[in-house]
C-alpha atoms as a PDB file:
ATOM      1  CA  UNK A   1      71.361 110.047 118.853  1.00  0.00           C
ATOM      2  CA  UNK A   2      74.763 108.965 118.149  1.00  0.00           C
ATOM      3  CA  UNK A   3      76.805 105.872 119.004  1.00  0.00           C
ATOM      4  CA  UNK A   4      80.363 105.517 119.923  1.00  0.00           C
ATOM      5  CA  UNK A   5      82.408 102.581 118.970  1.00  0.00           C
ATOM      6  CA  UNK A   6      86.277 101.764 119.108  1.00  0.00           C
ATOM      7  CA  UNK A   7      87.988  99.700 116.571  1.00  0.00           C
ATOM      8  CA  UNK A   8      91.495  98.622 115.887  1.00  0.00           C
ATOM      9  CA  UNK A   9      91.994  98.910 112.352  1.00  0.00           C
ATOM     10  CA  UNK A  10      95.174  97.778 110.678  1.00  0.00           C
ATOM     11  CA  UNK A  11      96.944  98.015 114.144  1.00  0.00           C
ATOM     12  CA  UNK A  12      95.590 101.591 114.933  1.00  0.00           C
ATOM     13  CA  UNK A  13      92.773 102.235 117.359  1.00  0.00           C
ATOM     14  CA  UNK A  14      89.992 104.455 115.954  1.00  0.00           C
ATOM     15  CA  UNK A  15      87.229 105.933 117.931  1.00  0.00           C
ATOM     16  CA  UNK A  16      84.273 106.582 115.751  1.00  0.00           C
ATOM     17  CA  UNK A  17      80.964 108.293 116.198  1.00  0.00           C
ATOM     18  CA  UNK A  18      78.008 106.922 114.226  1.00  0.00           C
ATOM     19  CA  UNK A  19      74.692 108.673 113.715  1.00  0.00           C
ATOM     20  CA  UNK A  20      73.058 105.808 112.321  1.00  0.00           C
ATOM     21  CA  UNK A  21      73.088 102.277 114.056  1.00  0.00           C
ATOM     22  CA  UNK A  22      72.572 100.639 110.671  1.00  0.00           C
ATOM     23  CA  UNK A  23      75.859 101.798 109.100  1.00  0.00           C
ATOM     24  CA  UNK A  24      77.761  98.780 107.897  1.00  0.00           C
ATOM     25  CA  UNK A  25      81.271  98.140 108.484  1.00  0.00           C
ATOM     26  CA  UNK A  26      82.008  98.298 104.897  1.00  0.00           C
ATOM     27  CA  UNK A  27      80.572 101.748 104.569  1.00  0.00           C
ATOM     28  CA  UNK A  28      82.409 102.850 107.746  1.00  0.00           C
ATOM     29  CA  UNK A  29      85.673 101.749 106.380  1.00  0.00           C
ATOM     30  CA  UNK A  30      85.189 103.172 102.955  1.00  0.00           C
ATOM     31  CA  UNK A  31      83.326 106.453 103.641  1.00  0.00           C
ATOM     32  CA  UNK A  32      84.540 107.479 107.207  1.00  0.00           C
ATOM     33  CA  UNK A  33      87.924 105.839 107.517  1.00  0.00           C
ATOM     34  CA  UNK A  34      88.931 106.413 103.732  1.00  0.00           C
ATOM     35  CA  UNK A  35      89.976 102.722 103.488  1.00  0.00           C
ATOM     36  CA  UNK A  36      88.860 102.180  99.907  1.00  0.00           C
ATOM     37  CA  UNK A  37      90.695  98.878  99.250  1.00  0.00           C
ATOM     38  CA  UNK A  38      87.775  97.014 100.527  1.00  0.00           C
ATOM     39  CA  UNK A  39      85.205  96.990  97.539  1.00  0.00           C
ATOM     40  CA  UNK A  40      81.712  97.337  97.441  1.00  0.00           C
ATOM     41  CA  UNK A  41      80.552  94.804  95.041  1.00  0.00           C
ATOM     42  CA  UNK A  42      77.149  93.331  95.215  1.00  0.00           C
ATOM     43  CA  UNK A  43      76.295  95.032  98.752  1.00  0.00           C
ATOM     44  CA  UNK A  44      74.369  91.611  99.742  1.00  0.00           C
ATOM     45  CA  UNK A  45      77.145  89.218 100.721  1.00  0.00           C
ATOM     46  CA  UNK A  46      77.143  87.373  97.568  1.00  0.00           C
ATOM     47  CA  UNK A  47      80.696  88.447  95.834  1.00  0.00           C
ATOM     48  CA  UNK A  48      83.101  88.593  98.517  1.00  0.00           C
ATOM     49  CA  UNK A  49      84.682  91.811  97.352  1.00  0.00           C
ATOM     50  CA  UNK A  50      84.259  93.340 100.677  1.00  0.00           C
ATOM     51  CA  UNK A  51      86.060  90.643 102.543  1.00  0.00           C
ATOM     52  CA  UNK A  52      87.981  91.685 105.734  1.00  0.00           C
ATOM     53  CA  UNK A  53      89.236  90.100 108.781  1.00  0.00           C
ATOM     54  CA  UNK A  54      87.599  90.707 111.906  1.00  0.00           C
ATOM     55  CA  UNK A  55      89.276  89.238 115.019  1.00  0.00           C
ATOM     56  CA  UNK A  56      91.177  86.875 112.712  1.00  0.00           C
ATOM     57  CA  UNK A  57      87.959  85.683 110.884  1.00  0.00           C
ATOM     58  CA  UNK A  58      86.789  86.393 107.350  1.00  0.00           C
ATOM     59  CA  UNK A  59      83.658  88.264 106.954  1.00  0.00           C
ATOM     60  CA  UNK A  60      81.751  90.019 104.263  1.00  0.00           C
ATOM     61  CA  UNK A  61      81.831  93.516 105.702  1.00  0.00           C
ATOM     62  CA  UNK A  62      78.685  94.773 103.617  1.00  0.00           C
ATOM     63  CA  UNK A  63      76.707  92.587 106.018  1.00  0.00           C
ATOM     64  CA  UNK A  64      78.258  93.441 109.258  1.00  0.00           C
ATOM     65  CA  UNK A  65      76.792  96.453 111.369  1.00  0.00           C
ATOM     66  CA  UNK A  66      79.795  98.562 112.284  1.00  0.00           C
ATOM     67  CA  UNK A  67      78.076  99.169 115.832  1.00  0.00           C
ATOM     68  CA  UNK A  68      78.149  95.210 116.560  1.00  0.00           C
ATOM     69  CA  UNK A  69      82.128  95.192 116.039  1.00  0.00           C
ATOM     70  CA  UNK A  70      82.739  97.619 118.794  1.00  0.00           C
ATOM     71  CA  UNK A  71      86.081  96.484 120.258  1.00  0.00           C
ATOM     72  CA  UNK A  72      87.043  94.287 117.313  1.00  0.00           C
ATOM     73  CA  UNK A  73      90.488  94.130 115.472  1.00  0.00           C
ATOM     74  CA  UNK A  74      89.723  94.841 111.755  1.00  0.00           C
ATOM     75  CA  UNK A  75      92.434  93.894 109.153  1.00  0.00           C
ATOM     76  CA  UNK A  76      91.961  95.400 105.544  1.00  0.00           C
ATOM     77  CA  UNK A  77      93.873  95.141 102.426  1.00  0.00           C
ATOM     78  CA  UNK A  78      95.729  98.381 103.471  1.00  0.00           C
ATOM     79  CA  UNK A  79      97.107  96.524 106.537  1.00  0.00           C
ATOM     80  CA  UNK A  80      98.553  93.511 104.822  1.00  0.00           C
ATOM     81  CA  UNK A  81     101.846  94.644 103.476  1.00  0.00           C
ATOM     82  CA  UNK A  82     104.297  95.629 106.139  1.00  0.00           C
ATOM     83  CA  UNK A  83     107.562  97.680 106.078  1.00  0.00           C
ATOM     84  CA  UNK A  84     107.416  97.938 102.274  1.00  0.00           C
ATOM     85  CA  UNK A  85     107.071  94.185 101.831  1.00  0.00           C
ATOM     86  CA  UNK A  86     104.120  92.364 100.309  1.00  0.00           C
ATOM     87  CA  UNK A  87     102.503  89.623 102.133  1.00  0.00           C
ATOM     88  CA  UNK A  88     103.296  86.154 100.777  1.00  0.00           C
ATOM     89  CA  UNK A  89      99.485  85.945  99.582  1.00  0.00           C
ATOM     90  CA  UNK A  90     100.041  89.291  97.668  1.00  0.00           C
ATOM     91  CA  UNK A  91     103.303  87.985  96.135  1.00  0.00           C
ATOM     92  CA  UNK A  92     101.764  84.686  95.085  1.00  0.00           C
ATOM     93  CA  UNK A  93      98.840  86.527  93.557  1.00  0.00           C
ATOM     94  CA  UNK A  94     101.242  88.577  91.278  1.00  0.00           C
ATOM     95  CA  UNK A  95     103.434  85.361  90.503  1.00  0.00           C
ATOM     96  CA  UNK A  96     100.599  83.205  89.472  1.00  0.00           C
ATOM     97  CA  UNK A  97      98.628  85.933  87.527  1.00  0.00           C
ATOM     98  CA  UNK A  98      95.620  85.577  90.004  1.00  0.00           C
ATOM     99  CA  UNK A  99      93.976  88.668  88.930  1.00  0.00           C
ATOM    100  CA  UNK A 100      92.859  90.385  85.859  1.00  0.00           C
ATOM    101  CA  UNK A 101      90.773  93.475  86.140  1.00  0.00           C
ATOM    102  CA  UNK A 102      91.755  93.579  89.918  1.00  0.00           C
ATOM    103  CA  UNK A 103      88.301  94.588  91.428  1.00  0.00           C
ATOM    104  CA  UNK A 104      87.838  91.411  93.446  1.00  0.00           C
ATOM    105  CA  UNK A 105      91.525  91.106  94.189  1.00  0.00           C
ATOM    106  CA  UNK A 106      91.428  92.725  97.581  1.00  0.00           C
ATOM    107  CA  UNK A 107      88.733  90.474  98.797  1.00  0.00           C
ATOM    108  CA  UNK A 108      90.348  87.592  97.330  1.00  0.00           C
ATOM    109  CA  UNK A 109      93.517  88.186  99.213  1.00  0.00           C
ATOM    110  CA  UNK A 110      91.768  89.051 102.556  1.00  0.00           C
ATOM    111  CA  UNK A 111      89.807  85.671 102.025  1.00  0.00           C
ATOM    112  CA  UNK A 112      93.076  83.679 101.031  1.00  0.00           C
ATOM    113  CA  UNK A 113      94.840  85.075 104.222  1.00  0.00           C
ATOM    114  CA  UNK A 114      91.954  84.058 106.401  1.00  0.00           C
ATOM    115  CA  UNK A 115      91.584  80.757 104.608  1.00  0.00           C
ATOM    116  CA  UNK A 116      95.399  79.807 105.328  1.00  0.00           C
ATOM    117  CA  UNK A 117      95.166  81.080 109.073  1.00  0.00           C
ATOM    118  CA  UNK A 118      92.162  78.737 109.425  1.00  0.00           C
ATOM    119  CA  UNK A 119      94.446  75.864 108.414  1.00  0.00           C
ATOM    120  CA  UNK A 120      91.806  73.856 106.811  1.00  0.00           C
ATOM    121  CA  UNK A 121      93.040  73.484 103.081  1.00  0.00           C
ATOM    122  CA  UNK A 122      95.978  71.006 103.719  1.00  0.00           C
ATOM    123  CA  UNK A 123      97.258  71.834 100.331  1.00  0.00           C
ATOM    124  CA  UNK A 124      94.478  70.283  98.733  1.00  0.00           C
ATOM    125  CA  UNK A 125      93.431  72.352  95.598  1.00  0.00           C
ATOM    126  CA  UNK A 126      89.622  71.364  95.956  1.00  0.00           C
ATOM    127  CA  UNK A 127      89.661  72.430  99.575  1.00  0.00           C
ATOM    128  CA  UNK A 128      91.117  75.603  98.535  1.00  0.00           C
ATOM    129  CA  UNK A 129      88.428  76.220  95.751  1.00  0.00           C
ATOM    130  CA  UNK A 130      85.644  75.300  98.523  1.00  0.00           C
ATOM    131  CA  UNK A 131      87.152  77.736 100.931  1.00  0.00           C
ATOM    132  CA  UNK A 132      87.342  80.435  98.358  1.00  0.00           C
ATOM    133  CA  UNK A 133      83.837  80.060  96.840  1.00  0.00           C
ATOM    134  CA  UNK A 134      82.601  82.899  98.762  1.00  0.00           C
ATOM    135  CA  UNK A 135      84.938  85.211  96.627  1.00  0.00           C
ATOM    136  CA  UNK A 136      83.625  85.554  92.992  1.00  0.00           C
ATOM    137  CA  UNK A 137      85.706  86.958  90.009  1.00  0.00           C
ATOM    138  CA  UNK A 138      84.005  87.920  87.055  1.00  0.00           C
ATOM    139  CA  UNK A 139      87.119  87.589  84.942  1.00  0.00           C
ATOM    140  CA  UNK A 140      87.682  83.981  85.995  1.00  0.00           C
ATOM    141  CA  UNK A 141      91.030  83.963  87.335  1.00  0.00           C
ATOM    142  CA  UNK A 142      90.164  81.084  89.656  1.00  0.00           C
ATOM    143  CA  UNK A 143      92.963  78.711  88.555  1.00  0.00           C
ATOM    144  CA  UNK A 144      95.694  81.356  89.387  1.00  0.00           C
ATOM    145  CA  UNK A 145      93.749  82.138  92.535  1.00  0.00           C
ATOM    146  CA  UNK A 146      94.062  78.327  93.565  1.00  0.00           C
ATOM    147  CA  UNK A 147      97.577  78.098  92.663  1.00  0.00           C
ATOM    148  CA  UNK A 148      98.446  81.455  94.531  1.00  0.00           C
ATOM    149  CA  UNK A 149      96.811  80.339  97.659  1.00  0.00           C
ATOM    150  CA  UNK A 150      98.613  76.954  97.466  1.00  0.00           C
ATOM    151  CA  UNK A 151     102.044  78.610  96.964  1.00  0.00           C
ATOM    152  CA  UNK A 152     101.349  81.188  99.506  1.00  0.00           C
ATOM    153  CA  UNK A 153     100.221  78.591 102.203  1.00  0.00           C
ATOM    154  CA  UNK A 154     103.413  76.528 101.486  1.00  0.00           C
ATOM    155  CA  UNK A 155     105.676  79.557 101.967  1.00  0.00           C
ATOM    156  CA  UNK A 156     104.039  80.498 105.161  1.00  0.00           C
ATOM    157  CA  UNK A 157     104.489  76.990 106.429  1.00  0.00           C
ATOM    158  CA  UNK A 158     108.148  77.062 105.704  1.00  0.00           C
ATOM    159  CA  UNK A 159     108.493  80.615 107.567  1.00  0.00           C
ATOM    160  CA  UNK A 160     106.761  79.529 110.601  1.00  0.00           C
ATOM    161  CA  UNK A 161     103.187  78.273 109.765  1.00  0.00           C
ATOM    162  CA  UNK A 162     101.445  81.665 110.700  1.00  0.00           C
ATOM    163  CA  UNK A 163     100.995  84.976 109.288  1.00  0.00           C
ATOM    164  CA  UNK A 164     103.010  86.230 112.153  1.00  0.00           C
ATOM    165  CA  UNK A 165     105.796  83.849 110.994  1.00  0.00           C
ATOM    166  CA  UNK A 166     106.068  85.752 107.848  1.00  0.00           C
ATOM    167  CA  UNK A 167     106.911  89.056 109.930  1.00  0.00           C
ATOM    168  CA  UNK A 168     109.784  87.321 111.484  1.00  0.00           C
ATOM    169  CA  UNK A 169     111.118  85.886 108.338  1.00  0.00           C
ATOM    170  CA  UNK A 170     111.033  89.323 106.382  1.00  0.00           C
END
């Protein structure tokens, strides 16, 4: 038995046939859609390497069944930069050395974008650390990650307060 789902992934509608109802969103993205920027870390929802935005919310794609997201709007790391311009979170990660080996970076960036969109940090480093606590970094780049999120949040607020404001400012 096959199952048909439609997703909008990074702005492009994708119709997918699944032969197994237990295919995770992570495996669909990586293996079927060739979007390998989303990483498979623990495969148990504990590390955050697989973080993507689904309908604007941060989720661990390794825990999400693809079938349950029929009709969803999915944004992966591949859909963050636009027109040759890095997203302010990507720019801030570079400026603040918020990465070392880079394995966790796509998930960290997606989580940071989601956290900023949620608007719950109020420029408070402790709230950023708490909001990013589901994303682990084995290299311990946490200080740079916190600084990068705060910097990007400030720049996005100056550009109109939302992720969409960045596009207008670019």
